[in-house]
Amino acid sequence: MFILSAAAFLPTSFAQAQPQETSGRVIQSGRASWYGPGFHGRRTASGETFNTNELTAAHRTLPFGTKVRVVNKRTGKSVVVRINDRGPYAHGRVIDLSRASAQAIGISGVGSVTVAEL
């Protein structure tokens, strides 16, 4: 299981995998996935170029630039990502992570997530 929580204005040094539990008000639950190779170099909904090696994510409604913490409950690793795209478009998913973001917390497919505020 993963936890996704808002982490507005965290320093860039937090944008790396680290063991951490996150608590907060749950605002959304669902599944997370990752996207990358076919989208690398394409324009995102925010207008920037997608780089699968950056710590970014796609969300349907969070404002572009919002930073959120994603915690992999299985491994205990977390990563702070910046929302720069819209999606996911697959049914039942609440966030799409870049490949680097997913790798940072040790996921390679789809996982269960909770979206929570810090």
PDB file of N, CA and C in Angstrom:
ATOM      1  N   MET A   1       0.838  -1.165   0.000  1.00  0.00           N
ATOM      2  CA  MET A   1       0.000   0.000   0.000  1.00  0.00           C
ATOM      3  C   MET A   1       0.886   1.232   0.000  1.00  0.00           C
ATOM      4  N   PHE A   2       0.404   2.296  -0.612  1.00  0.00           N
ATOM      5  CA  PHE A   2       1.123   3.555  -0.684  1.00  0.00           C
ATOM      6  C   PHE A   2       0.261   4.634  -0.062  1.00  0.00           C
ATOM      7  N   ILE A   3       0.896   5.667   0.475  1.00  0.00           N
ATOM      8  CA  ILE A   3       0.171   6.837   0.965  1.00  0.00           C
ATOM      9  C   ILE A   3       0.667   8.027   0.173  1.00  0.00           C
ATOM     10  N   LEU A   4      -0.250   8.828  -0.300  1.00  0.00           N
ATOM     11  CA  LEU A   4       0.075  10.029  -1.055  1.00  0.00           C
ATOM     12  C   LEU A   4      -0.446  11.202  -0.254  1.00  0.00           C
ATOM     13  N   SER A   5       0.418  12.162   0.045  1.00  0.00           N
ATOM     14  CA  SER A   5      -0.021  13.286   0.863  1.00  0.00           C
ATOM     15  C   SER A   5       0.566  14.590   0.354  1.00  0.00           C
ATOM     16  N   ALA A   6      -0.170  15.664   0.554  1.00  0.00           N
ATOM     17  CA  ALA A   6       0.300  16.980   0.117  1.00  0.00           C
ATOM     18  C   ALA A   6       1.492  17.400   0.955  1.00  0.00           C
ATOM     19  N   ALA A   7       2.531  17.873   0.303  1.00  0.00           N
ATOM     20  CA  ALA A   7       3.739  18.323   0.997  1.00  0.00           C
ATOM     21  C   ALA A   7       4.181  19.631   0.365  1.00  0.00           C
ATOM     22  N   ALA A   8       3.354  20.626   0.483  1.00  0.00           N
ATOM     23  CA  ALA A   8       3.602  21.894  -0.194  1.00  0.00           C
ATOM     24  C   ALA A   8       4.877  22.553   0.299  1.00  0.00           C
ATOM     25  N   PHE A   9       5.634  23.053  -0.650  1.00  0.00           N
ATOM     26  CA  PHE A   9       6.805  23.866  -0.392  1.00  0.00           C
ATOM     27  C   PHE A   9       7.904  23.162   0.396  1.00  0.00           C
ATOM     28  N   LEU A  10       8.068  21.873   0.210  1.00  0.00           N
ATOM     29  CA  LEU A  10       9.191  21.176   0.831  1.00  0.00           C
ATOM     30  C   LEU A  10      10.452  21.473   0.049  1.00  0.00           C
ATOM     31  N   PRO A  11      11.598  21.553   0.710  1.00  0.00           N
ATOM     32  CA  PRO A  11      12.845  21.793  -0.005  1.00  0.00           C
ATOM     33  C   PRO A  11      13.154  20.658  -0.972  1.00  0.00           C
ATOM     34  N   THR A  12      13.899  20.971  -2.027  1.00  0.00           N
ATOM     35  CA  THR A  12      14.258  19.981  -3.028  1.00  0.00           C
ATOM     36  C   THR A  12      14.965  18.789  -2.412  1.00  0.00           C
ATOM     37  N   SER A  13      15.690  18.976  -1.325  1.00  0.00           N
ATOM     38  CA  SER A  13      16.414  17.875  -0.694  1.00  0.00           C
ATOM     39  C   SER A  13      15.481  16.770  -0.221  1.00  0.00           C
ATOM     40  N   PHE A  14      14.187  17.066  -0.052  1.00  0.00           N
ATOM     41  CA  PHE A  14      13.232  16.047   0.347  1.00  0.00           C
ATOM     42  C   PHE A  14      12.793  15.200  -0.837  1.00  0.00           C
ATOM     43  N   ALA A  15      13.125  15.593  -2.054  1.00  0.00           N
ATOM     44  CA  ALA A  15      12.693  14.875  -3.248  1.00  0.00           C
ATOM     45  C   ALA A  15      13.596  13.687  -3.532  1.00  0.00           C
ATOM     46  N   GLN A  16      13.710  12.816  -2.533  1.00  0.00           N
ATOM     47  CA  GLN A  16      14.489  11.603  -2.702  1.00  0.00           C
ATOM     48  C   GLN A  16      13.870  10.517  -1.845  1.00  0.00           C
ATOM     49  N   ALA A  17      14.117   9.274  -2.194  1.00  0.00           N
ATOM     50  CA  ALA A  17      13.527   8.167  -1.458  1.00  0.00           C
ATOM     51  C   ALA A  17      14.089   8.132  -0.049  1.00  0.00           C
ATOM     52  N   GLN A  18      13.194   7.984   0.924  1.00  0.00           N
ATOM     53  CA  GLN A  18      13.607   7.895   2.309  1.00  0.00           C
ATOM     54  C   GLN A  18      12.498   7.217   3.096  1.00  0.00           C
ATOM     55  N   PRO A  19      12.846   6.362   4.061  1.00  0.00           N
ATOM     56  CA  PRO A  19      11.808   5.736   4.873  1.00  0.00           C
ATOM     57  C   PRO A  19      11.063   6.802   5.670  1.00  0.00           C
ATOM     58  N   GLN A  20       9.743   6.780   5.611  1.00  0.00           N
ATOM     59  CA  GLN A  20       8.979   7.762   6.359  1.00  0.00           C
ATOM     60  C   GLN A  20       7.501   7.402   6.323  1.00  0.00           C
ATOM     61  N   GLU A  21       6.848   7.495   7.462  1.00  0.00           N
ATOM     62  CA  GLU A  21       5.405   7.360   7.549  1.00  0.00           C
ATOM     63  C   GLU A  21       4.808   8.752   7.402  1.00  0.00           C
ATOM     64  N   THR A  22       3.657   8.853   6.777  1.00  0.00           N
ATOM     65  CA  THR A  22       2.988  10.125   6.610  1.00  0.00           C
ATOM     66  C   THR A  22       1.589  10.007   7.179  1.00  0.00           C
ATOM     67  N   SER A  23       1.199  10.958   8.001  1.00  0.00           N
ATOM     68  CA  SER A  23      -0.159  10.963   8.518  1.00  0.00           C
ATOM     69  C   SER A  23      -0.848  12.217   8.026  1.00  0.00           C
ATOM     70  N   GLY A  24      -2.152  12.206   8.049  1.00  0.00           N
ATOM     71  CA  GLY A  24      -2.897  13.368   7.619  1.00  0.00           C
ATOM     72  C   GLY A  24      -4.303  12.984   7.242  1.00  0.00           C
ATOM     73  N   ARG A  25      -5.096  13.971   6.880  1.00  0.00           N
ATOM     74  CA  ARG A  25      -6.483  13.766   6.504  1.00  0.00           C
ATOM     75  C   ARG A  25      -6.541  13.109   5.134  1.00  0.00           C
ATOM     76  N   VAL A  26      -7.169  11.962   5.071  1.00  0.00           N
ATOM     77  CA  VAL A  26      -7.307  11.244   3.807  1.00  0.00           C
ATOM     78  C   VAL A  26      -8.301  11.989   2.926  1.00  0.00           C
ATOM     79  N   ILE A  27      -7.899  12.286   1.695  1.00  0.00           N
ATOM     80  CA  ILE A  27      -8.792  12.972   0.768  1.00  0.00           C
ATOM     81  C   ILE A  27      -9.109  12.134  -0.461  1.00  0.00           C
ATOM     82  N   GLN A  28      -8.381  11.024  -0.664  1.00  0.00           N
ATOM     83  CA  GLN A  28      -8.603  10.193  -1.840  1.00  0.00           C
ATOM     84  C   GLN A  28      -7.927   8.846  -1.650  1.00  0.00           C
ATOM     85  N   SER A  29      -8.571   7.790  -2.131  1.00  0.00           N
ATOM     86  CA  SER A  29      -7.975   6.455  -2.102  1.00  0.00           C
ATOM     87  C   SER A  29      -8.121   5.828  -3.474  1.00  0.00           C
ATOM     88  N   GLY A  30      -7.201   4.967  -3.815  1.00  0.00           N
ATOM     89  CA  GLY A  30      -7.259   4.301  -5.110  1.00  0.00           C
ATOM     90  C   GLY A  30      -5.952   3.629  -5.430  1.00  0.00           C
ATOM     91  N   ARG A  31      -5.629   3.594  -6.709  1.00  0.00           N
ATOM     92  CA  ARG A  31      -4.432   2.904  -7.154  1.00  0.00           C
ATOM     93  C   ARG A  31      -3.489   3.877  -7.847  1.00  0.00           C
ATOM     94  N   ALA A  32      -2.199   3.573  -7.742  1.00  0.00           N
ATOM     95  CA  ALA A  32      -1.162   4.368  -8.408  1.00  0.00           C
ATOM     96  C   ALA A  32      -0.476   3.511  -9.450  1.00  0.00           C
ATOM     97  N   SER A  33      -0.038   4.146 -10.512  1.00  0.00           N
ATOM     98  CA  SER A  33       0.738   3.467 -11.547  1.00  0.00           C
ATOM     99  C   SER A  33       1.838   4.418 -11.993  1.00  0.00           C
ATOM    100  N   TRP A  34       2.631   3.979 -12.954  1.00  0.00           N
ATOM    101  CA  TRP A  34       3.685   4.851 -13.470  1.00  0.00           C
ATOM    102  C   TRP A  34       3.638   4.861 -14.989  1.00  0.00           C
ATOM    103  N   TYR A  35       4.178   5.923 -15.560  1.00  0.00           N
ATOM    104  CA  TYR A  35       4.238   6.038 -17.014  1.00  0.00           C
ATOM    105  C   TYR A  35       5.571   6.638 -17.401  1.00  0.00           C
ATOM    106  N   GLY A  36       5.998   6.425 -18.620  1.00  0.00           N
ATOM    107  CA  GLY A  36       7.301   6.936 -18.971  1.00  0.00           C
ATOM    108  C   GLY A  36       7.722   6.812 -20.413  1.00  0.00           C
ATOM    109  N   PRO A  37       8.240   5.631 -20.834  1.00  0.00           N
ATOM    110  CA  PRO A  37       8.933   5.521 -22.119  1.00  0.00           C
ATOM    111  C   PRO A  37       8.199   6.140 -23.304  1.00  0.00           C
ATOM    112  N   GLY A  38       6.924   5.874 -23.471  1.00  0.00           N
ATOM    113  CA  GLY A  38       6.183   6.408 -24.612  1.00  0.00           C
ATOM    114  C   GLY A  38       5.865   7.888 -24.498  1.00  0.00           C
ATOM    115  N   PHE A  39       6.036   8.457 -23.318  1.00  0.00           N
ATOM    116  CA  PHE A  39       5.700   9.858 -23.081  1.00  0.00           C
ATOM    117  C   PHE A  39       6.932  10.739 -22.914  1.00  0.00           C
ATOM    118  N   HIS A  40       8.100  10.137 -22.738  1.00  0.00           N
ATOM    119  CA  HIS A  40       9.339  10.890 -22.523  1.00  0.00           C
ATOM    120  C   HIS A  40       9.563  11.863 -23.681  1.00  0.00           C
ATOM    121  N   GLY A  41       9.773  13.133 -23.342  1.00  0.00           N
ATOM    122  CA  GLY A  41      10.022  14.159 -24.355  1.00  0.00           C
ATOM    123  C   GLY A  41       8.772  14.829 -24.888  1.00  0.00           C
ATOM    124  N   ARG A  42       7.600  14.321 -24.539  1.00  0.00           N
ATOM    125  CA  ARG A  42       6.348  14.937 -24.994  1.00  0.00           C
ATOM    126  C   ARG A  42       5.931  16.049 -24.035  1.00  0.00           C
ATOM    127  N   ARG A  43       5.071  16.917 -24.520  1.00  0.00           N
ATOM    128  CA  ARG A  43       4.582  18.030 -23.717  1.00  0.00           C
ATOM    129  C   ARG A  43       3.527  17.525 -22.730  1.00  0.00           C
ATOM    130  N   THR A  44       3.624  17.982 -21.471  1.00  0.00           N
ATOM    131  CA  THR A  44       2.631  17.632 -20.455  1.00  0.00           C
ATOM    132  C   THR A  44       1.484  18.639 -20.502  1.00  0.00           C
ATOM    133  N   ALA A  45       0.435  18.367 -19.749  1.00  0.00           N
ATOM    134  CA  ALA A  45      -0.705  19.285 -19.688  1.00  0.00           C
ATOM    135  C   ALA A  45      -0.312  20.645 -19.116  1.00  0.00           C
ATOM    136  N   SER A  46       0.752  20.683 -18.313  1.00  0.00           N
ATOM    137  CA  SER A  46       1.210  21.958 -17.744  1.00  0.00           C
ATOM    138  C   SER A  46       2.040  22.762 -18.741  1.00  0.00           C
ATOM    139  N   GLY A  47       2.391  22.144 -19.864  1.00  0.00           N
ATOM    140  CA  GLY A  47       3.173  22.829 -20.886  1.00  0.00           C
ATOM    141  C   GLY A  47       4.650  22.510 -20.870  1.00  0.00           C
ATOM    142  N   GLU A  48       5.123  21.826 -19.830  1.00  0.00           N
ATOM    143  CA  GLU A  48       6.542  21.474 -19.795  1.00  0.00           C
ATOM    144  C   GLU A  48       6.771  20.128 -20.481  1.00  0.00           C
ATOM    145  N   THR A  49       8.014  19.849 -20.784  1.00  0.00           N
ATOM    146  CA  THR A  49       8.375  18.594 -21.427  1.00  0.00           C
ATOM    147  C   THR A  49       8.503  17.504 -20.378  1.00  0.00           C
ATOM    148  N   PHE A  50       7.840  16.364 -20.624  1.00  0.00           N
ATOM    149  CA  PHE A  50       7.885  15.251 -19.676  1.00  0.00           C
ATOM    150  C   PHE A  50       9.247  14.582 -19.719  1.00  0.00           C
ATOM    151  N   ASN A  51       9.816  14.380 -18.543  1.00  0.00           N
ATOM    152  CA  ASN A  51      11.087  13.674 -18.406  1.00  0.00           C
ATOM    153  C   ASN A  51      10.860  12.543 -17.415  1.00  0.00           C
ATOM    154  N   THR A  52      10.905  11.319 -17.895  1.00  0.00           N
ATOM    155  CA  THR A  52      10.633  10.158 -17.054  1.00  0.00           C
ATOM    156  C   THR A  52      11.648   9.989 -15.932  1.00  0.00           C
ATOM    157  N   ASN A  53      12.780  10.713 -16.018  1.00  0.00           N
ATOM    158  CA  ASN A  53      13.828  10.628 -14.997  1.00  0.00           C
ATOM    159  C   ASN A  53      13.674  11.664 -13.886  1.00  0.00           C
ATOM    160  N   GLU A  54      12.652  12.512 -13.964  1.00  0.00           N
ATOM    161  CA  GLU A  54      12.398  13.507 -12.925  1.00  0.00           C
ATOM    162  C   GLU A  54      11.330  12.998 -11.968  1.00  0.00           C
ATOM    163  N   LEU A  55      11.300  13.572 -10.771  1.00  0.00           N
ATOM    164  CA  LEU A  55      10.338  13.161  -9.744  1.00  0.00           C
ATOM    165  C   LEU A  55       9.050  13.964  -9.910  1.00  0.00           C
ATOM    166  N   THR A  56       8.212  13.508 -10.838  1.00  0.00           N
ATOM    167  CA  THR A  56       6.963  14.185 -11.160  1.00  0.00           C
ATOM    168  C   THR A  56       5.825  13.171 -11.194  1.00  0.00           C
ATOM    169  N   ALA A  57       4.600  13.699 -11.336  1.00  0.00           N
ATOM    170  CA  ALA A  57       3.421  12.835 -11.378  1.00  0.00           C
ATOM    171  C   ALA A  57       2.274  13.544 -12.083  1.00  0.00           C
ATOM    172  N   ALA A  58       1.298  12.743 -12.498  1.00  0.00           N
ATOM    173  CA  ALA A  58       0.071  13.256 -13.097  1.00  0.00           C
ATOM    174  C   ALA A  58      -1.081  13.017 -12.128  1.00  0.00           C
ATOM    175  N   HIS A  59      -1.937  14.034 -11.981  1.00  0.00           N
ATOM    176  CA  HIS A  59      -3.128  13.925 -11.133  1.00  0.00           C
ATOM    177  C   HIS A  59      -4.265  14.646 -11.841  1.00  0.00           C
ATOM    178  N   ARG A  60      -5.482  14.173 -11.647  1.00  0.00           N
ATOM    179  CA  ARG A  60      -6.621  14.759 -12.354  1.00  0.00           C
ATOM    180  C   ARG A  60      -6.944  16.192 -11.938  1.00  0.00           C
ATOM    181  N   THR A  61      -6.812  16.516 -10.654  1.00  0.00           N
ATOM    182  CA  THR A  61      -7.315  17.814 -10.189  1.00  0.00           C
ATOM    183  C   THR A  61      -6.336  18.673  -9.399  1.00  0.00           C
ATOM    184  N   LEU A  62      -5.292  18.111  -8.831  1.00  0.00           N
ATOM    185  CA  LEU A  62      -4.357  18.926  -8.047  1.00  0.00           C
ATOM    186  C   LEU A  62      -3.703  19.976  -8.937  1.00  0.00           C
ATOM    187  N   PRO A  63      -3.514  21.186  -8.433  1.00  0.00           N
ATOM    188  CA  PRO A  63      -2.890  22.241  -9.240  1.00  0.00           C
ATOM    189  C   PRO A  63      -1.468  21.863  -9.669  1.00  0.00           C
ATOM    190  N   PHE A  64      -1.100  22.284 -10.868  1.00  0.00           N
ATOM    191  CA  PHE A  64       0.271  22.062 -11.331  1.00  0.00           C
ATOM    192  C   PHE A  64       1.228  22.725 -10.352  1.00  0.00           C
ATOM    193  N   GLY A  65       2.336  22.055 -10.083  1.00  0.00           N
ATOM    194  CA  GLY A  65       3.323  22.575  -9.153  1.00  0.00           C
ATOM    195  C   GLY A  65       3.137  22.078  -7.730  1.00  0.00           C
ATOM    196  N   THR A  66       1.975  21.498  -7.430  1.00  0.00           N
ATOM    197  CA  THR A  66       1.742  20.951  -6.091  1.00  0.00           C
ATOM    198  C   THR A  66       2.723  19.823  -5.835  1.00  0.00           C
ATOM    199  N   LYS A  67       3.313  19.826  -4.639  1.00  0.00           N
ATOM    200  CA  LYS A  67       4.212  18.736  -4.257  1.00  0.00           C
ATOM    201  C   LYS A  67       3.467  17.799  -3.321  1.00  0.00           C
ATOM    202  N   VAL A  68       3.580  16.512  -3.578  1.00  0.00           N
ATOM    203  CA  VAL A  68       2.936  15.498  -2.751  1.00  0.00           C
ATOM    204  C   VAL A  68       3.949  14.442  -2.372  1.00  0.00           C
ATOM    205  N   ARG A  69       3.736  13.837  -1.221  1.00  0.00           N
ATOM    206  CA  ARG A  69       4.602  12.745  -0.772  1.00  0.00           C
ATOM    207  C   ARG A  69       3.888  11.432  -1.043  1.00  0.00           C
ATOM    208  N   VAL A  70       4.600  10.503  -1.668  1.00  0.00           N
ATOM    209  CA  VAL A  70       4.081   9.168  -1.927  1.00  0.00           C
ATOM    210  C   VAL A  70       4.882   8.197  -1.076  1.00  0.00           C
ATOM    211  N   VAL A  71       4.196   7.431  -0.242  1.00  0.00           N
ATOM    212  CA  VAL A  71       4.856   6.463   0.632  1.00  0.00           C
ATOM    213  C   VAL A  71       4.439   5.063   0.218  1.00  0.00           C
ATOM    214  N   ASN A  72       5.434   4.218  -0.031  1.00  0.00           N
ATOM    215  CA  ASN A  72       5.190   2.811  -0.325  1.00  0.00           C
ATOM    216  C   ASN A  72       5.084   2.089   1.010  1.00  0.00           C
ATOM    217  N   LYS A  73       3.888   1.657   1.358  1.00  0.00           N
ATOM    218  CA  LYS A  73       3.673   1.025   2.659  1.00  0.00           C
ATOM    219  C   LYS A  73       4.378  -0.322   2.771  1.00  0.00           C
ATOM    220  N   ARG A  74       4.638  -0.959   1.668  1.00  0.00           N
ATOM    221  CA  ARG A  74       5.316  -2.251   1.707  1.00  0.00           C
ATOM    222  C   ARG A  74       6.789  -2.085   2.046  1.00  0.00           C
ATOM    223  N   THR A  75       7.430  -1.059   1.463  1.00  0.00           N
ATOM    224  CA  THR A  75       8.863  -0.866   1.674  1.00  0.00           C
ATOM    225  C   THR A  75       9.170   0.207   2.708  1.00  0.00           C
ATOM    226  N   GLY A  76       8.210   1.097   2.973  1.00  0.00           N
ATOM    227  CA  GLY A  76       8.441   2.214   3.883  1.00  0.00           C
ATOM    228  C   GLY A  76       9.163   3.378   3.234  1.00  0.00           C
ATOM    229  N   LYS A  77       9.513   3.269   1.961  1.00  0.00           N
ATOM    230  CA  LYS A  77      10.196   4.360   1.258  1.00  0.00           C
ATOM    231  C   LYS A  77       9.185   5.405   0.818  1.00  0.00           C
ATOM    232  N   SER A  78       9.656   6.661   0.759  1.00  0.00           N
ATOM    233  CA  SER A  78       8.791   7.738   0.295  1.00  0.00           C
ATOM    234  C   SER A  78       9.543   8.615  -0.690  1.00  0.00           C
ATOM    235  N   VAL A  79       8.770   9.356  -1.463  1.00  0.00           N
ATOM    236  CA  VAL A  79       9.342  10.288  -2.421  1.00  0.00           C
ATOM    237  C   VAL A  79       8.401  11.478  -2.541  1.00  0.00           C
ATOM    238  N   VAL A  80       8.960  12.673  -2.658  1.00  0.00           N
ATOM    239  CA  VAL A  80       8.167  13.869  -2.910  1.00  0.00           C
ATOM    240  C   VAL A  80       8.203  14.120  -4.407  1.00  0.00           C
ATOM    241  N   VAL A  81       7.016  14.250  -5.001  1.00  0.00           N
ATOM    242  CA  VAL A  81       6.910  14.494  -6.438  1.00  0.00           C
ATOM    243  C   VAL A  81       6.138  15.786  -6.678  1.00  0.00           C
ATOM    244  N   ARG A  82       6.346  16.350  -7.852  1.00  0.00           N
ATOM    245  CA  ARG A  82       5.655  17.585  -8.254  1.00  0.00           C
ATOM    246  C   ARG A  82       4.639  17.233  -9.336  1.00  0.00           C
ATOM    247  N   ILE A  83       3.412  17.718  -9.179  1.00  0.00           N
ATOM    248  CA  ILE A  83       2.363  17.473 -10.173  1.00  0.00           C
ATOM    249  C   ILE A  83       2.612  18.377 -11.377  1.00  0.00           C
ATOM    250  N   ASN A  84       2.792  17.752 -12.553  1.00  0.00           N
ATOM    251  CA  ASN A  84       3.043  18.532 -13.769  1.00  0.00           C
ATOM    252  C   ASN A  84       2.226  18.052 -14.961  1.00  0.00           C
ATOM    253  N   ASP A  85       1.291  17.123 -14.722  1.00  0.00           N
ATOM    254  CA  ASP A  85       0.514  16.568 -15.830  1.00  0.00           C
ATOM    255  C   ASP A  85      -0.869  16.172 -15.336  1.00  0.00           C
ATOM    256  N   ARG A  86      -1.766  15.874 -16.258  1.00  0.00           N
ATOM    257  CA  ARG A  86      -3.108  15.405 -15.939  1.00  0.00           C
ATOM    258  C   ARG A  86      -3.205  13.911 -16.201  1.00  0.00           C
ATOM    259  N   GLY A  87      -4.050  13.272 -15.459  1.00  0.00           N
ATOM    260  CA  GLY A  87      -4.235  11.832 -15.524  1.00  0.00           C
ATOM    261  C   GLY A  87      -4.302  11.334 -14.101  1.00  0.00           C
ATOM    262  N   PRO A  88      -4.302  10.077 -13.889  1.00  0.00           N
ATOM    263  CA  PRO A  88      -4.271   9.001 -14.882  1.00  0.00           C
ATOM    264  C   PRO A  88      -5.631   8.829 -15.554  1.00  0.00           C
ATOM    265  N   TYR A  89      -5.595   8.174 -16.685  1.00  0.00           N
ATOM    266  CA  TYR A  89      -6.815   7.943 -17.443  1.00  0.00           C
ATOM    267  C   TYR A  89      -7.289   6.502 -17.352  1.00  0.00           C
ATOM    268  N   ALA A  90      -6.541   5.658 -16.671  1.00  0.00           N
ATOM    269  CA  ALA A  90      -6.959   4.271 -16.445  1.00  0.00           C
ATOM    270  C   ALA A  90      -7.966   4.247 -15.296  1.00  0.00           C
ATOM    271  N   HIS A  91      -9.028   3.488 -15.447  1.00  0.00           N
ATOM    272  CA  HIS A  91     -10.090   3.401 -14.443  1.00  0.00           C
ATOM    273  C   HIS A  91      -9.548   2.975 -13.080  1.00  0.00           C
ATOM    274  N   GLY A  92      -9.960   3.672 -12.036  1.00  0.00           N
ATOM    275  CA  GLY A  92      -9.611   3.299 -10.677  1.00  0.00           C
ATOM    276  C   GLY A  92      -8.260   3.785 -10.188  1.00  0.00           C
ATOM    277  N   ARG A  93      -7.536   4.514 -11.004  1.00  0.00           N
ATOM    278  CA  ARG A  93      -6.224   5.016 -10.580  1.00  0.00           C
ATOM    279  C   ARG A  93      -6.335   6.481 -10.204  1.00  0.00           C
ATOM    280  N   VAL A  94      -5.576   6.875  -9.178  1.00  0.00           N
ATOM    281  CA  VAL A  94      -5.660   8.248  -8.688  1.00  0.00           C
ATOM    282  C   VAL A  94      -4.428   9.079  -9.005  1.00  0.00           C
ATOM    283  N   ILE A  95      -3.304   8.440  -9.336  1.00  0.00           N
ATOM    284  CA  ILE A  95      -2.079   9.173  -9.662  1.00  0.00           C
ATOM    285  C   ILE A  95      -1.209   8.310 -10.562  1.00  0.00           C
ATOM    286  N   ASP A  96      -0.529   8.962 -11.495  1.00  0.00           N
ATOM    287  CA  ASP A  96       0.485   8.317 -12.335  1.00  0.00           C
ATOM    288  C   ASP A  96       1.831   8.925 -11.972  1.00  0.00           C
ATOM    289  N   LEU A  97       2.781   8.088 -11.628  1.00  0.00           N
ATOM    290  CA  LEU A  97       4.123   8.530 -11.264  1.00  0.00           C
ATOM    291  C   LEU A  97       5.058   8.433 -12.458  1.00  0.00           C
ATOM    292  N   SER A  98       6.062   9.291 -12.504  1.00  0.00           N
ATOM    293  CA  SER A  98       7.126   9.116 -13.493  1.00  0.00           C
ATOM    294  C   SER A  98       7.891   7.843 -13.132  1.00  0.00           C
ATOM    295  N   ARG A  99       8.639   7.319 -14.073  1.00  0.00           N
ATOM    296  CA  ARG A  99       9.414   6.101 -13.810  1.00  0.00           C
ATOM    297  C   ARG A  99      10.365   6.306 -12.633  1.00  0.00           C
ATOM    298  N   ALA A 100      11.046   7.456 -12.585  1.00  0.00           N
ATOM    299  CA  ALA A 100      11.990   7.730 -11.497  1.00  0.00           C
ATOM    300  C   ALA A 100      11.287   7.761 -10.143  1.00  0.00           C
ATOM    301  N   SER A 101      10.097   8.342 -10.099  1.00  0.00           N
ATOM    302  CA  SER A 101       9.340   8.406  -8.848  1.00  0.00           C
ATOM    303  C   SER A 101       8.953   7.017  -8.372  1.00  0.00           C
ATOM    304  N   ALA A 102       8.472   6.197  -9.288  1.00  0.00           N
ATOM    305  CA  ALA A 102       8.081   4.828  -8.941  1.00  0.00           C
ATOM    306  C   ALA A 102       9.289   4.014  -8.489  1.00  0.00           C
ATOM    307  N   GLN A 103      10.397   4.146  -9.197  1.00  0.00           N
ATOM    308  CA  GLN A 103      11.607   3.406  -8.829  1.00  0.00           C
ATOM    309  C   GLN A 103      12.136   3.847  -7.469  1.00  0.00           C
ATOM    310  N   ALA A 104      12.004   5.130  -7.151  1.00  0.00           N
ATOM    311  CA  ALA A 104      12.518   5.654  -5.889  1.00  0.00           C
ATOM    312  C   ALA A 104      11.860   4.996  -4.683  1.00  0.00           C
ATOM    313  N   ILE A 105      10.610   4.559  -4.855  1.00  0.00           N
ATOM    314  CA  ILE A 105       9.917   3.919  -3.736  1.00  0.00           C
ATOM    315  C   ILE A 105       9.736   2.420  -3.944  1.00  0.00           C
ATOM    316  N   GLY A 106      10.357   1.896  -4.985  1.00  0.00           N
ATOM    317  CA  GLY A 106      10.380   0.453  -5.177  1.00  0.00           C
ATOM    318  C   GLY A 106       9.132  -0.167  -5.758  1.00  0.00           C
ATOM    319  N   ILE A 107       8.427   0.555  -6.645  1.00  0.00           N
ATOM    320  CA  ILE A 107       7.290  -0.072  -7.319  1.00  0.00           C
ATOM    321  C   ILE A 107       7.581  -0.200  -8.805  1.00  0.00           C
ATOM    322  N   SER A 108       7.037  -1.256  -9.390  1.00  0.00           N
ATOM    323  CA  SER A 108       7.266  -1.486 -10.812  1.00  0.00           C
ATOM    324  C   SER A 108       5.966  -1.678 -11.575  1.00  0.00           C
ATOM    325  N   GLY A 109       4.842  -1.548 -10.913  1.00  0.00           N
ATOM    326  CA  GLY A 109       3.554  -1.745 -11.571  1.00  0.00           C
ATOM    327  C   GLY A 109       2.503  -0.827 -10.993  1.00  0.00           C
ATOM    328  N   VAL A 110       1.439  -1.429 -10.484  1.00  0.00           N
ATOM    329  CA  VAL A 110       0.327  -0.692  -9.904  1.00  0.00           C
ATOM    330  C   VAL A 110       0.256  -1.012  -8.422  1.00  0.00           C
ATOM    331  N   GLY A 111      -0.031  -0.002  -7.595  1.00  0.00           N
ATOM    332  CA  GLY A 111      -0.159  -0.221  -6.160  1.00  0.00           C
ATOM    333  C   GLY A 111      -1.328   0.541  -5.581  1.00  0.00           C
ATOM    334  N   SER A 112      -1.784   0.106  -4.433  1.00  0.00           N
ATOM    335  CA  SER A 112      -2.886   0.749  -3.732  1.00  0.00           C
ATOM    336  C   SER A 112      -2.378   1.996  -3.014  1.00  0.00           C
ATOM    337  N   VAL A 113      -3.109   3.114  -3.125  1.00  0.00           N
ATOM    338  CA  VAL A 113      -2.668   4.369  -2.513  1.00  0.00           C
ATOM    339  C   VAL A 113      -3.778   5.039  -1.733  1.00  0.00           C
ATOM    340  N   THR A 114      -3.364   5.882  -0.820  1.00  0.00           N
ATOM    341  CA  THR A 114      -4.249   6.806  -0.124  1.00  0.00           C
ATOM    342  C   THR A 114      -3.660   8.197  -0.297  1.00  0.00           C
ATOM    343  N   VAL A 115      -4.501   9.159  -0.654  1.00  0.00           N
ATOM    344  CA  VAL A 115      -4.070  10.548  -0.791  1.00  0.00           C
ATOM    345  C   VAL A 115      -4.436  11.254   0.507  1.00  0.00           C
ATOM    346  N   ALA A 116      -3.430  11.834   1.163  1.00  0.00           N
ATOM    347  CA  ALA A 116      -3.679  12.482   2.451  1.00  0.00           C
ATOM    348  C   ALA A 116      -2.877  13.765   2.572  1.00  0.00           C
ATOM    349  N   GLU A 117      -3.428  14.718   3.315  1.00  0.00           N
ATOM    350  CA  GLU A 117      -2.701  15.946   3.615  1.00  0.00           C
ATOM    351  C   GLU A 117      -1.710  15.671   4.725  1.00  0.00           C
ATOM    352  N   LEU A 118      -0.610  16.411   4.746  1.00  0.00           N
ATOM    353  CA  LEU A 118       0.364  16.274   5.833  1.00  0.00           C
ATOM    354  C   LEU A 118      -0.208  16.784   7.133  1.00  0.00           C
TER     355      LEU A 118
END
